[in-house]
Amino acid sequence: MYFNKKNNFFHGIMFHHFHDNLKHKKSQGSISKEDFCKIIKFIGRENIINADLFQKKLKDNNLKKNEVCFTFDDSVKSQIDIALPVLEEFKIKSFFFVYSSIFENQPDNLEFFRYFRMNYFENIDEFYNNFYKILDRDLSNFFEEKISIIQEKKIKFPYYSIEDIKFRLVRDQFLSKKEYEKSMFEMMKRKKFDPETVKSKIFFNKEDVINLSKLGHSIGLHSHSHPTSFKELNQEDQEKEYKKNLYILAKILNKKEDEIKCMSHPCGSYNKYTLKVLKDLGIEIGFKQIMNIESDKGMLKINNSPLEIARQDHAEIIRRINE
């Protein structure tokens, strides 16, 4: 049974990557078509409501505790190839949160880096070892200073290993974006990996977004360039990110900008300025990344506001199914 004392409240289910071991190789945190069907059965099809209805019921303040919706982040192609046929089979209409720099031929390198580390190394530990060798920096003091944060993140994100968390801290806090990407590009050069060769395999194209909308799925904002630490941007830059995201998606869908009312926070990163920017843009529903109260964001409850709806990661559900 999916619902228990820890999740007996309305929320979203968060999906990212899928694999079929043909076009899309199994990778860290990815799930198969079979896993996806197991999740639907475990939650109960009757408890999964369509995105537009979830949004309406939230606005009307009449969502039931056992009602959830499906959400998909990051515009990754495996969602179209593997998840979408299952959604159509079960008649589940979902939220798809799309960042827009991919349509200007400037995709976030995050997905290229993910593809690289999962396809050019025997396992994730081999990648981490190679990364730290290339970086060639003493990280012992940094990890010692971050021990409490590492422990806190392990509680918030139980599906991440300690090494996963350490790597993300190095990427997001120890290194600048320029330093991190320099190390990654050097590794890719040594392995002779050219990101351009896999772009169409990794990301949505405009036709994918149009087709999702025609099928009745809800298309929403996910920033323009997908910064991994969005809350570090000043209010002006946050506004630019979401205004551009909104403009591009509305143009692709041939809609008015005020017709797009939903979003999710990239990497769960936001602050009070973000919420103001989104309210000013007329966004009615937004999803965070976790199922916890975050005191550092001034939260009083888990679903703290319409722009901070909790989500359960699919990896955690798979873990529970396999217990």
C-alpha atoms as a PDB file:
ATOM      1  CA  MET A   1       0.000   0.000   0.000  1.00  0.00           C
ATOM      2  CA  TYR A   2       1.446   3.372  -1.045  1.00  0.00           C
ATOM      3  CA  PHE A   3      -0.121   5.802   1.443  1.00  0.00           C
ATOM      4  CA  ASN A   4       1.058   5.856   5.061  1.00  0.00           C
ATOM      5  CA  LYS A   5       1.498   8.390   7.866  1.00  0.00           C
ATOM      6  CA  LYS A   6       4.428  10.041   6.056  1.00  0.00           C
ATOM      7  CA  ASN A   7       2.678  10.707   2.746  1.00  0.00           C
ATOM      8  CA  ASN A   8      -1.028  10.775   3.508  1.00  0.00           C
ATOM      9  CA  PHE A   9      -1.600  14.175   1.916  1.00  0.00           C
ATOM     10  CA  PHE A  10      -2.065  15.321  -1.676  1.00  0.00           C
ATOM     11  CA  HIS A  11       1.197  15.643  -3.596  1.00  0.00           C
ATOM     12  CA  GLY A  12       2.946  15.079  -6.906  1.00  0.00           C
ATOM     13  CA  ILE A  13       4.966  12.086  -8.065  1.00  0.00           C
ATOM     14  CA  MET A  14       8.228  13.215  -9.683  1.00  0.00           C
ATOM     15  CA  PHE A  15       9.759  11.440 -12.682  1.00  0.00           C
ATOM     16  CA  HIS A  16      12.927  12.137 -14.636  1.00  0.00           C
ATOM     17  CA  HIS A  17      14.705   9.342 -16.538  1.00  0.00           C
ATOM     18  CA  PHE A  18      13.568   6.072 -18.073  1.00  0.00           C
ATOM     19  CA  HIS A  19      15.426   3.210 -19.729  1.00  0.00           C
ATOM     20  CA  ASP A  20      14.678   0.429 -22.209  1.00  0.00           C
ATOM     21  CA  ASN A  21      18.282  -0.829 -22.668  1.00  0.00           C
ATOM     22  CA  LEU A  22      17.905  -0.146 -26.392  1.00  0.00           C
ATOM     23  CA  LYS A  23      17.738   3.533 -27.226  1.00  0.00           C
ATOM     24  CA  HIS A  24      17.974   4.592 -23.580  1.00  0.00           C
ATOM     25  CA  LYS A  25      20.519   2.746 -21.482  1.00  0.00           C
ATOM     26  CA  LYS A  26      19.843   2.060 -17.806  1.00  0.00           C
ATOM     27  CA  SER A  27      21.327   4.879 -15.747  1.00  0.00           C
ATOM     28  CA  GLN A  28      21.501   6.159 -12.202  1.00  0.00           C
ATOM     29  CA  GLY A  29      17.925   6.653 -10.972  1.00  0.00           C
ATOM     30  CA  SER A  30      16.250   5.627 -14.245  1.00  0.00           C
ATOM     31  CA  ILE A  31      13.295   3.239 -14.347  1.00  0.00           C
ATOM     32  CA  SER A  32      11.869   0.880 -16.951  1.00  0.00           C
ATOM     33  CA  LYS A  33       8.396   0.654 -18.465  1.00  0.00           C
ATOM     34  CA  GLU A  34       7.750  -2.273 -16.128  1.00  0.00           C
ATOM     35  CA  ASP A  35       8.829  -0.213 -13.103  1.00  0.00           C
ATOM     36  CA  PHE A  36       6.531   2.595 -14.214  1.00  0.00           C
ATOM     37  CA  CYS A  37       3.551   0.233 -14.417  1.00  0.00           C
ATOM     38  CA  LYS A  38       4.409  -1.138 -10.959  1.00  0.00           C
ATOM     39  CA  ILE A  39       4.357   2.402  -9.549  1.00  0.00           C
ATOM     40  CA  ILE A  40       0.906   3.058 -11.029  1.00  0.00           C
ATOM     41  CA  LYS A  41      -0.406  -0.203  -9.558  1.00  0.00           C
ATOM     42  CA  PHE A  42       1.256   0.444  -6.175  1.00  0.00           C
ATOM     43  CA  ILE A  43      -0.230   3.927  -5.832  1.00  0.00           C
ATOM     44  CA  GLY A  44      -3.552   2.809  -7.269  1.00  0.00           C
ATOM     45  CA  ARG A  45      -4.858   4.151 -10.568  1.00  0.00           C
ATOM     46  CA  GLU A  46      -7.915   5.506  -8.745  1.00  0.00           C
ATOM     47  CA  ASN A  47      -5.671   7.801  -6.662  1.00  0.00           C
ATOM     48  CA  ILE A  48      -3.899   9.364  -9.677  1.00  0.00           C
ATOM     49  CA  ILE A  49      -5.809  12.326 -11.081  1.00  0.00           C
ATOM     50  CA  ASN A  50      -5.201  14.289 -14.261  1.00  0.00           C
ATOM     51  CA  ALA A  51      -2.984  17.362 -14.118  1.00  0.00           C
ATOM     52  CA  ASP A  52      -5.674  19.868 -15.054  1.00  0.00           C
ATOM     53  CA  LEU A  53      -8.072  18.451 -12.453  1.00  0.00           C
ATOM     54  CA  PHE A  54      -5.347  18.457  -9.772  1.00  0.00           C
ATOM     55  CA  GLN A  55      -4.656  22.116 -10.542  1.00  0.00           C
ATOM     56  CA  LYS A  56      -8.368  23.010 -10.451  1.00  0.00           C
ATOM     57  CA  LYS A  57      -8.985  21.141  -7.199  1.00  0.00           C
ATOM     58  CA  LEU A  58      -5.970  22.828  -5.590  1.00  0.00           C
ATOM     59  CA  LYS A  59      -7.346  26.236  -6.601  1.00  0.00           C
ATOM     60  CA  ASP A  60     -10.771  25.276  -5.228  1.00  0.00           C
ATOM     61  CA  ASN A  61      -9.200  23.890  -2.040  1.00  0.00           C
ATOM     62  CA  ASN A  62     -10.858  20.480  -2.347  1.00  0.00           C
ATOM     63  CA  LEU A  63      -8.037  18.023  -3.061  1.00  0.00           C
ATOM     64  CA  LYS A  64      -8.372  14.804  -1.088  1.00  0.00           C
ATOM     65  CA  LYS A  65      -5.489  13.420   0.985  1.00  0.00           C
ATOM     66  CA  ASN A  66      -5.074  10.374  -1.233  1.00  0.00           C
ATOM     67  CA  GLU A  67      -4.970  12.267  -4.550  1.00  0.00           C
ATOM     68  CA  VAL A  68      -1.698  12.565  -6.454  1.00  0.00           C
ATOM     69  CA  CYS A  69      -0.626  13.735  -9.892  1.00  0.00           C
ATOM     70  CA  PHE A  70       2.288  12.735 -12.109  1.00  0.00           C
ATOM     71  CA  THR A  71       4.987  15.283 -12.976  1.00  0.00           C
ATOM     72  CA  PHE A  72       7.918  15.052 -15.402  1.00  0.00           C
ATOM     73  CA  ASP A  73      10.934  17.380 -15.249  1.00  0.00           C
ATOM     74  CA  ASP A  74      13.827  18.361 -17.494  1.00  0.00           C
ATOM     75  CA  SER A  75      12.541  17.753 -21.055  1.00  0.00           C
ATOM     76  CA  VAL A  76      14.306  14.402 -21.464  1.00  0.00           C
ATOM     77  CA  LYS A  77      13.428  12.288 -24.491  1.00  0.00           C
ATOM     78  CA  SER A  78      13.107   8.991 -22.635  1.00  0.00           C
ATOM     79  CA  GLN A  79       9.890  10.362 -21.133  1.00  0.00           C
ATOM     80  CA  ILE A  80       8.424  10.596 -24.646  1.00  0.00           C
ATOM     81  CA  ASP A  81       9.750   7.236 -25.832  1.00  0.00           C
ATOM     82  CA  ILE A  82       8.994   5.135 -22.735  1.00  0.00           C
ATOM     83  CA  ALA A  83       6.672   6.911 -20.276  1.00  0.00           C
ATOM     84  CA  LEU A  84       4.220   8.569 -22.686  1.00  0.00           C
ATOM     85  CA  PRO A  85       2.822   5.338 -24.209  1.00  0.00           C
ATOM     86  CA  VAL A  86       2.135   4.045 -20.681  1.00  0.00           C
ATOM     87  CA  LEU A  87       0.433   7.294 -19.697  1.00  0.00           C
ATOM     88  CA  GLU A  88      -1.795   7.059 -22.752  1.00  0.00           C
ATOM     89  CA  GLU A  89      -2.592   3.402 -22.050  1.00  0.00           C
ATOM     90  CA  PHE A  90      -3.691   4.222 -18.494  1.00  0.00           C
ATOM     91  CA  LYS A  91      -5.316   7.508 -19.589  1.00  0.00           C
ATOM     92  CA  ILE A  92      -3.220   9.572 -17.165  1.00  0.00           C
ATOM     93  CA  LYS A  93      -2.724  13.225 -18.132  1.00  0.00           C
ATOM     94  CA  SER A  94       0.372  14.634 -16.465  1.00  0.00           C
ATOM     95  CA  PHE A  95       2.411  17.781 -15.896  1.00  0.00           C
ATOM     96  CA  PHE A  96       5.505  18.153 -18.098  1.00  0.00           C
ATOM     97  CA  PHE A  97       7.849  20.900 -16.904  1.00  0.00           C
ATOM     98  CA  VAL A  98      10.035  22.088 -19.755  1.00  0.00           C
ATOM     99  CA  TYR A  99      13.088  24.311 -19.676  1.00  0.00           C
ATOM    100  CA  SER A 100      13.497  26.237 -22.893  1.00  0.00           C
ATOM    101  CA  SER A 101      17.164  26.847 -23.725  1.00  0.00           C
ATOM    102  CA  ILE A 102      17.130  23.481 -25.532  1.00  0.00           C
ATOM    103  CA  PHE A 103      15.026  25.139 -28.239  1.00  0.00           C
ATOM    104  CA  GLU A 104      17.735  27.758 -28.769  1.00  0.00           C
ATOM    105  CA  ASN A 105      20.352  25.053 -29.259  1.00  0.00           C
ATOM    106  CA  GLN A 106      21.795  25.807 -25.815  1.00  0.00           C
ATOM    107  CA  PRO A 107      20.808  22.836 -23.659  1.00  0.00           C
ATOM    108  CA  ASP A 108      21.938  22.588 -20.088  1.00  0.00           C
ATOM    109  CA  ASN A 109      25.139  20.538 -20.000  1.00  0.00           C
ATOM    110  CA  LEU A 110      23.753  18.671 -16.978  1.00  0.00           C
ATOM    111  CA  GLU A 111      22.064  16.055 -19.185  1.00  0.00           C
ATOM    112  CA  PHE A 112      25.120  15.657 -21.412  1.00  0.00           C
ATOM    113  CA  PHE A 113      27.227  15.125 -18.313  1.00  0.00           C
ATOM    114  CA  ARG A 114      24.740  12.596 -16.985  1.00  0.00           C
ATOM    115  CA  TYR A 115      24.740  10.685 -20.286  1.00  0.00           C
ATOM    116  CA  PHE A 116      28.533  10.734 -20.305  1.00  0.00           C
ATOM    117  CA  ARG A 117      29.017   9.437 -16.768  1.00  0.00           C
ATOM    118  CA  MET A 118      26.446   6.664 -17.225  1.00  0.00           C
ATOM    119  CA  ASN A 119      27.627   5.474 -20.655  1.00  0.00           C
ATOM    120  CA  TYR A 120      31.404   5.885 -20.629  1.00  0.00           C
ATOM    121  CA  PHE A 121      32.261   4.287 -17.277  1.00  0.00           C
ATOM    122  CA  GLU A 122      31.742   0.827 -15.820  1.00  0.00           C
ATOM    123  CA  ASN A 123      29.839   2.262 -12.854  1.00  0.00           C
ATOM    124  CA  ILE A 124      29.235   5.529 -11.034  1.00  0.00           C
ATOM    125  CA  ASP A 125      32.116   4.992  -8.619  1.00  0.00           C
ATOM    126  CA  GLU A 126      34.548   4.759 -11.514  1.00  0.00           C
ATOM    127  CA  PHE A 127      33.223   8.078 -12.775  1.00  0.00           C
ATOM    128  CA  TYR A 128      33.623   9.721  -9.340  1.00  0.00           C
ATOM    129  CA  ASN A 129      37.199   8.427  -9.059  1.00  0.00           C
ATOM    130  CA  ASN A 130      38.079   9.795 -12.491  1.00  0.00           C
ATOM    131  CA  PHE A 131      36.413  13.111 -11.769  1.00  0.00           C
ATOM    132  CA  TYR A 132      38.365  13.659  -8.547  1.00  0.00           C
ATOM    133  CA  LYS A 133      41.613  12.711 -10.290  1.00  0.00           C
ATOM    134  CA  ILE A 134      40.981  15.303 -13.012  1.00  0.00           C
ATOM    135  CA  LEU A 135      39.989  17.881 -10.413  1.00  0.00           C
ATOM    136  CA  ASP A 136      43.122  17.197  -8.365  1.00  0.00           C
ATOM    137  CA  ARG A 137      42.000  19.257  -5.361  1.00  0.00           C
ATOM    138  CA  ASP A 138      42.148  18.484  -1.644  1.00  0.00           C
ATOM    139  CA  LEU A 139      38.504  18.129  -0.593  1.00  0.00           C
ATOM    140  CA  SER A 140      38.994  16.727   2.910  1.00  0.00           C
ATOM    141  CA  ASN A 141      38.389  20.023   4.722  1.00  0.00           C
ATOM    142  CA  PHE A 142      35.394  20.820   2.507  1.00  0.00           C
ATOM    143  CA  PHE A 143      33.722  17.485   3.269  1.00  0.00           C
ATOM    144  CA  GLU A 144      34.494  17.876   6.969  1.00  0.00           C
ATOM    145  CA  GLU A 145      32.820  21.293   7.005  1.00  0.00           C
ATOM    146  CA  LYS A 146      29.796  19.877   5.169  1.00  0.00           C
ATOM    147  CA  ILE A 147      29.254  16.773   7.306  1.00  0.00           C
ATOM    148  CA  SER A 148      25.999  18.028   8.834  1.00  0.00           C
ATOM    149  CA  ILE A 149      24.703  19.076   5.393  1.00  0.00           C
ATOM    150  CA  ILE A 150      25.608  15.653   3.978  1.00  0.00           C
ATOM    151  CA  GLN A 151      23.666  13.959   6.777  1.00  0.00           C
ATOM    152  CA  GLU A 152      20.711  16.304   6.310  1.00  0.00           C
ATOM    153  CA  LYS A 153      20.592  15.693   2.556  1.00  0.00           C
ATOM    154  CA  LYS A 154      20.741  11.930   3.100  1.00  0.00           C
ATOM    155  CA  ILE A 155      17.554  12.230   5.160  1.00  0.00           C
ATOM    156  CA  LYS A 156      15.862  14.481   2.583  1.00  0.00           C
ATOM    157  CA  PHE A 157      17.015  12.402  -0.403  1.00  0.00           C
ATOM    158  CA  PRO A 158      17.375   8.785   0.815  1.00  0.00           C
ATOM    159  CA  TYR A 159      17.705   7.505  -2.757  1.00  0.00           C
ATOM    160  CA  TYR A 160      21.098   9.294  -3.088  1.00  0.00           C
ATOM    161  CA  SER A 161      24.220   7.541  -1.801  1.00  0.00           C
ATOM    162  CA  ILE A 162      26.698   9.480   0.339  1.00  0.00           C
ATOM    163  CA  GLU A 163      29.048   9.635  -2.657  1.00  0.00           C
ATOM    164  CA  ASP A 164      26.224  11.044  -4.814  1.00  0.00           C
ATOM    165  CA  ILE A 165      25.636  13.779  -2.244  1.00  0.00           C
ATOM    166  CA  LYS A 166      29.343  14.602  -1.918  1.00  0.00           C
ATOM    167  CA  PHE A 167      29.699  14.906  -5.679  1.00  0.00           C
ATOM    168  CA  ARG A 168      26.711  17.261  -5.902  1.00  0.00           C
ATOM    169  CA  LEU A 169      28.110  19.432  -3.126  1.00  0.00           C
ATOM    170  CA  VAL A 170      31.441  19.684  -4.932  1.00  0.00           C
ATOM    171  CA  ARG A 171      29.645  20.499  -8.183  1.00  0.00           C
ATOM    172  CA  ASP A 172      27.238  23.064  -6.735  1.00  0.00           C
ATOM    173  CA  GLN A 173      29.157  24.638  -3.838  1.00  0.00           C
ATOM    174  CA  PHE A 174      32.894  23.931  -3.948  1.00  0.00           C
ATOM    175  CA  LEU A 175      33.357  24.654  -7.658  1.00  0.00           C
ATOM    176  CA  SER A 176      32.100  27.467  -9.801  1.00  0.00           C
ATOM    177  CA  LYS A 177      30.051  26.411 -12.814  1.00  0.00           C
ATOM    178  CA  LYS A 178      33.008  27.266 -15.032  1.00  0.00           C
ATOM    179  CA  GLU A 179      35.409  25.135 -12.974  1.00  0.00           C
ATOM    180  CA  TYR A 180      33.024  22.175 -12.902  1.00  0.00           C
ATOM    181  CA  GLU A 181      32.375  22.266 -16.624  1.00  0.00           C
ATOM    182  CA  LYS A 182      36.077  22.595 -17.394  1.00  0.00           C
ATOM    183  CA  SER A 183      36.751  19.347 -15.507  1.00  0.00           C
ATOM    184  CA  MET A 184      33.866  17.570 -17.213  1.00  0.00           C
ATOM    185  CA  PHE A 185      34.857  18.713 -20.696  1.00  0.00           C
ATOM    186  CA  GLU A 186      38.410  17.534 -20.082  1.00  0.00           C
ATOM    187  CA  MET A 187      37.095  14.093 -19.105  1.00  0.00           C
ATOM    188  CA  MET A 188      34.863  14.004 -22.171  1.00  0.00           C
ATOM    189  CA  LYS A 189      37.770  14.962 -24.401  1.00  0.00           C
ATOM    190  CA  ARG A 190      39.869  12.114 -23.036  1.00  0.00           C
ATOM    191  CA  LYS A 191      37.025   9.667 -23.648  1.00  0.00           C
ATOM    192  CA  LYS A 192      36.351  11.143 -27.132  1.00  0.00           C
ATOM    193  CA  PHE A 193      32.714  11.916 -26.341  1.00  0.00           C
ATOM    194  CA  ASP A 194      31.005  14.513 -28.541  1.00  0.00           C
ATOM    195  CA  PRO A 195      27.720  15.789 -26.993  1.00  0.00           C
ATOM    196  CA  GLU A 196      26.361  16.907 -30.376  1.00  0.00           C
ATOM    197  CA  THR A 197      26.023  13.281 -31.457  1.00  0.00           C
ATOM    198  CA  VAL A 198      23.438  12.488 -28.770  1.00  0.00           C
ATOM    199  CA  LYS A 199      21.458  15.736 -28.508  1.00  0.00           C
ATOM    200  CA  SER A 200      18.358  14.473 -30.336  1.00  0.00           C
ATOM    201  CA  LYS A 201      18.454  11.277 -28.277  1.00  0.00           C
ATOM    202  CA  ILE A 202      18.481  13.165 -24.971  1.00  0.00           C
ATOM    203  CA  PHE A 203      16.121  16.154 -25.316  1.00  0.00           C
ATOM    204  CA  PHE A 204      12.568  17.031 -26.348  1.00  0.00           C
ATOM    205  CA  ASN A 205      12.063  18.835 -29.628  1.00  0.00           C
ATOM    206  CA  LYS A 206       9.307  21.377 -30.291  1.00  0.00           C
ATOM    207  CA  GLU A 207       7.050  18.745 -31.864  1.00  0.00           C
ATOM    208  CA  ASP A 208       7.227  16.683 -28.656  1.00  0.00           C
ATOM    209  CA  VAL A 209       5.957  19.635 -26.613  1.00  0.00           C
ATOM    210  CA  ILE A 210       3.163  20.363 -29.097  1.00  0.00           C
ATOM    211  CA  ASN A 211       2.112  16.702 -29.175  1.00  0.00           C
ATOM    212  CA  LEU A 212       2.037  16.444 -25.366  1.00  0.00           C
ATOM    213  CA  SER A 213      -0.239  19.460 -25.205  1.00  0.00           C
ATOM    214  CA  LYS A 214      -2.527  18.094 -27.943  1.00  0.00           C
ATOM    215  CA  LEU A 215      -2.831  14.842 -25.989  1.00  0.00           C
ATOM    216  CA  GLY A 216      -4.112  16.786 -22.981  1.00  0.00           C
ATOM    217  CA  HIS A 217      -1.005  16.947 -20.823  1.00  0.00           C
ATOM    218  CA  SER A 218      -0.158  20.208 -19.045  1.00  0.00           C
ATOM    219  CA  ILE A 219       3.015  22.000 -20.133  1.00  0.00           C
ATOM    220  CA  GLY A 220       4.666  24.170 -17.490  1.00  0.00           C
ATOM    221  CA  LEU A 221       7.717  26.260 -16.661  1.00  0.00           C
ATOM    222  CA  HIS A 222      11.053  24.911 -15.436  1.00  0.00           C
ATOM    223  CA  SER A 223      13.220  28.042 -16.016  1.00  0.00           C
ATOM    224  CA  HIS A 224      14.978  28.907 -19.274  1.00  0.00           C
ATOM    225  CA  SER A 225      18.516  27.618 -18.721  1.00  0.00           C
ATOM    226  CA  HIS A 226      17.960  25.259 -15.755  1.00  0.00           C
ATOM    227  CA  PRO A 227      20.447  26.624 -13.170  1.00  0.00           C
ATOM    228  CA  THR A 228      21.218  23.927 -10.586  1.00  0.00           C
ATOM    229  CA  SER A 229      21.096  26.503  -7.784  1.00  0.00           C
ATOM    230  CA  PHE A 230      18.324  28.837  -8.883  1.00  0.00           C
ATOM    231  CA  LYS A 231      18.024  30.480  -5.461  1.00  0.00           C
ATOM    232  CA  GLU A 232      21.516  31.965  -5.866  1.00  0.00           C
ATOM    233  CA  LEU A 233      20.291  34.171  -8.720  1.00  0.00           C
ATOM    234  CA  ASN A 234      19.157  37.690  -7.865  1.00  0.00           C
ATOM    235  CA  GLN A 235      15.514  38.608  -8.352  1.00  0.00           C
ATOM    236  CA  GLU A 236      16.125  40.311 -11.702  1.00  0.00           C
ATOM    237  CA  ASP A 237      17.872  37.255 -13.151  1.00  0.00           C
ATOM    238  CA  GLN A 238      15.191  34.937 -11.777  1.00  0.00           C
ATOM    239  CA  GLU A 239      12.574  37.062 -13.486  1.00  0.00           C
ATOM    240  CA  LYS A 240      14.472  36.932 -16.784  1.00  0.00           C
ATOM    241  CA  GLU A 241      14.719  33.132 -16.534  1.00  0.00           C
ATOM    242  CA  TYR A 242      10.994  32.597 -16.078  1.00  0.00           C
ATOM    243  CA  LYS A 243       9.827  35.326 -18.441  1.00  0.00           C
ATOM    244  CA  LYS A 244      11.932  33.874 -21.250  1.00  0.00           C
ATOM    245  CA  ASN A 245      10.795  30.336 -20.389  1.00  0.00           C
ATOM    246  CA  LEU A 246       7.173  31.473 -20.508  1.00  0.00           C
ATOM    247  CA  TYR A 247       7.604  33.396 -23.770  1.00  0.00           C
ATOM    248  CA  ILE A 248       9.236  30.477 -25.603  1.00  0.00           C
ATOM    249  CA  LEU A 249       6.778  27.821 -24.421  1.00  0.00           C
ATOM    250  CA  ALA A 250       3.767  30.009 -25.241  1.00  0.00           C
ATOM    251  CA  LYS A 251       5.157  30.621 -28.724  1.00  0.00           C
ATOM    252  CA  ILE A 252       5.764  26.900 -29.345  1.00  0.00           C
ATOM    253  CA  LEU A 253       2.258  26.023 -28.160  1.00  0.00           C
ATOM    254  CA  ASN A 254       0.647  28.963 -29.962  1.00  0.00           C
ATOM    255  CA  LYS A 255      -0.913  30.058 -26.678  1.00  0.00           C
ATOM    256  CA  LYS A 256      -1.174  33.290 -24.777  1.00  0.00           C
ATOM    257  CA  GLU A 257       1.349  33.562 -21.960  1.00  0.00           C
ATOM    258  CA  ASP A 258      -1.387  33.792 -19.335  1.00  0.00           C
ATOM    259  CA  GLU A 259      -2.653  30.347 -20.387  1.00  0.00           C
ATOM    260  CA  ILE A 260       0.392  28.653 -18.840  1.00  0.00           C
ATOM    261  CA  LYS A 261      -0.229  28.382 -15.104  1.00  0.00           C
ATOM    262  CA  CYS A 262       2.043  25.617 -13.754  1.00  0.00           C
ATOM    263  CA  MET A 263       5.733  25.045 -12.992  1.00  0.00           C
ATOM    264  CA  SER A 264       8.293  23.092 -10.992  1.00  0.00           C
ATOM    265  CA  HIS A 265      11.431  24.430  -9.315  1.00  0.00           C
ATOM    266  CA  PRO A 266      14.613  23.184 -11.073  1.00  0.00           C
ATOM    267  CA  CYS A 267      16.580  20.992  -8.657  1.00  0.00           C
ATOM    268  CA  GLY A 268      14.094  22.095  -5.974  1.00  0.00           C
ATOM    269  CA  SER A 269      15.963  25.389  -5.680  1.00  0.00           C
ATOM    270  CA  TYR A 270      14.008  28.588  -4.995  1.00  0.00           C
ATOM    271  CA  ASN A 271      13.561  31.389  -2.451  1.00  0.00           C
ATOM    272  CA  LYS A 272      11.081  34.146  -1.589  1.00  0.00           C
ATOM    273  CA  TYR A 273      12.080  36.117  -4.705  1.00  0.00           C
ATOM    274  CA  THR A 274      11.233  33.120  -6.898  1.00  0.00           C
ATOM    275  CA  LEU A 275       7.750  32.852  -5.407  1.00  0.00           C
ATOM    276  CA  LYS A 276       7.142  36.561  -6.017  1.00  0.00           C
ATOM    277  CA  VAL A 277       8.312  36.314  -9.633  1.00  0.00           C
ATOM    278  CA  LEU A 278       6.004  33.347 -10.244  1.00  0.00           C
ATOM    279  CA  LYS A 279       3.006  35.045  -8.630  1.00  0.00           C
ATOM    280  CA  ASP A 280       3.603  38.143 -10.753  1.00  0.00           C
ATOM    281  CA  LEU A 281       3.591  35.921 -13.862  1.00  0.00           C
ATOM    282  CA  GLY A 282       0.229  34.456 -12.864  1.00  0.00           C
ATOM    283  CA  ILE A 283       1.494  30.947 -12.081  1.00  0.00           C
ATOM    284  CA  GLU A 284      -1.071  29.109  -9.963  1.00  0.00           C
ATOM    285  CA  ILE A 285       0.656  25.847  -9.047  1.00  0.00           C
ATOM    286  CA  GLY A 286       4.315  25.000  -8.459  1.00  0.00           C
ATOM    287  CA  PHE A 287       6.055  21.849  -7.289  1.00  0.00           C
ATOM    288  CA  LYS A 288       9.094  21.473  -5.074  1.00  0.00           C
ATOM    289  CA  GLN A 289      11.305  18.393  -4.984  1.00  0.00           C
ATOM    290  CA  ILE A 290      10.802  16.794  -1.581  1.00  0.00           C
ATOM    291  CA  MET A 291       8.204  15.567   0.915  1.00  0.00           C
ATOM    292  CA  ASN A 292       9.549  17.496   3.902  1.00  0.00           C
ATOM    293  CA  ILE A 293       9.131  20.831   5.624  1.00  0.00           C
ATOM    294  CA  GLU A 294      12.164  23.024   4.903  1.00  0.00           C
ATOM    295  CA  SER A 295      12.553  25.394   7.836  1.00  0.00           C
ATOM    296  CA  ASP A 296      15.211  27.438   6.033  1.00  0.00           C
ATOM    297  CA  LYS A 297      12.497  28.454   3.557  1.00  0.00           C
ATOM    298  CA  GLY A 298      10.104  29.493   6.289  1.00  0.00           C
ATOM    299  CA  MET A 299       7.769  26.563   5.729  1.00  0.00           C
ATOM    300  CA  LEU A 300       5.038  25.922   8.275  1.00  0.00           C
ATOM    301  CA  LYS A 301       3.640  22.838   6.544  1.00  0.00           C
ATOM    302  CA  ILE A 302       4.674  20.419   3.814  1.00  0.00           C
ATOM    303  CA  ASN A 303       2.421  21.864   1.099  1.00  0.00           C
ATOM    304  CA  ASN A 304       3.364  25.321   2.274  1.00  0.00           C
ATOM    305  CA  SER A 305       1.717  27.282  -0.550  1.00  0.00           C
ATOM    306  CA  PRO A 306       0.241  26.613  -4.019  1.00  0.00           C
ATOM    307  CA  LEU A 307       3.752  27.200  -5.397  1.00  0.00           C
ATOM    308  CA  GLU A 308       5.384  24.717  -3.005  1.00  0.00           C
ATOM    309  CA  ILE A 309       3.510  21.451  -3.501  1.00  0.00           C
ATOM    310  CA  ALA A 310       5.465  18.419  -2.288  1.00  0.00           C
ATOM    311  CA  ARG A 311       6.586  15.636  -4.611  1.00  0.00           C
ATOM    312  CA  GLN A 312       7.678  12.064  -3.998  1.00  0.00           C
ATOM    313  CA  ASP A 313      10.563  10.903  -6.176  1.00  0.00           C
ATOM    314  CA  HIS A 314       9.861   7.781  -8.205  1.00  0.00           C
ATOM    315  CA  ALA A 315      13.113   6.239  -6.939  1.00  0.00           C
ATOM    316  CA  GLU A 316      11.794   6.253  -3.381  1.00  0.00           C
ATOM    317  CA  ILE A 317       8.581   4.512  -4.500  1.00  0.00           C
ATOM    318  CA  ILE A 318      10.568   1.814  -6.307  1.00  0.00           C
ATOM    319  CA  ARG A 319      12.628   1.327  -3.147  1.00  0.00           C
ATOM    320  CA  ARG A 320       9.442   0.783  -1.140  1.00  0.00           C
ATOM    321  CA  ILE A 321       8.020  -1.629  -3.734  1.00  0.00           C
ATOM    322  CA  ASN A 322      11.207  -3.698  -3.570  1.00  0.00           C
ATOM    323  CA  GLU A 323      11.423  -3.790   0.232  1.00  0.00           C
END
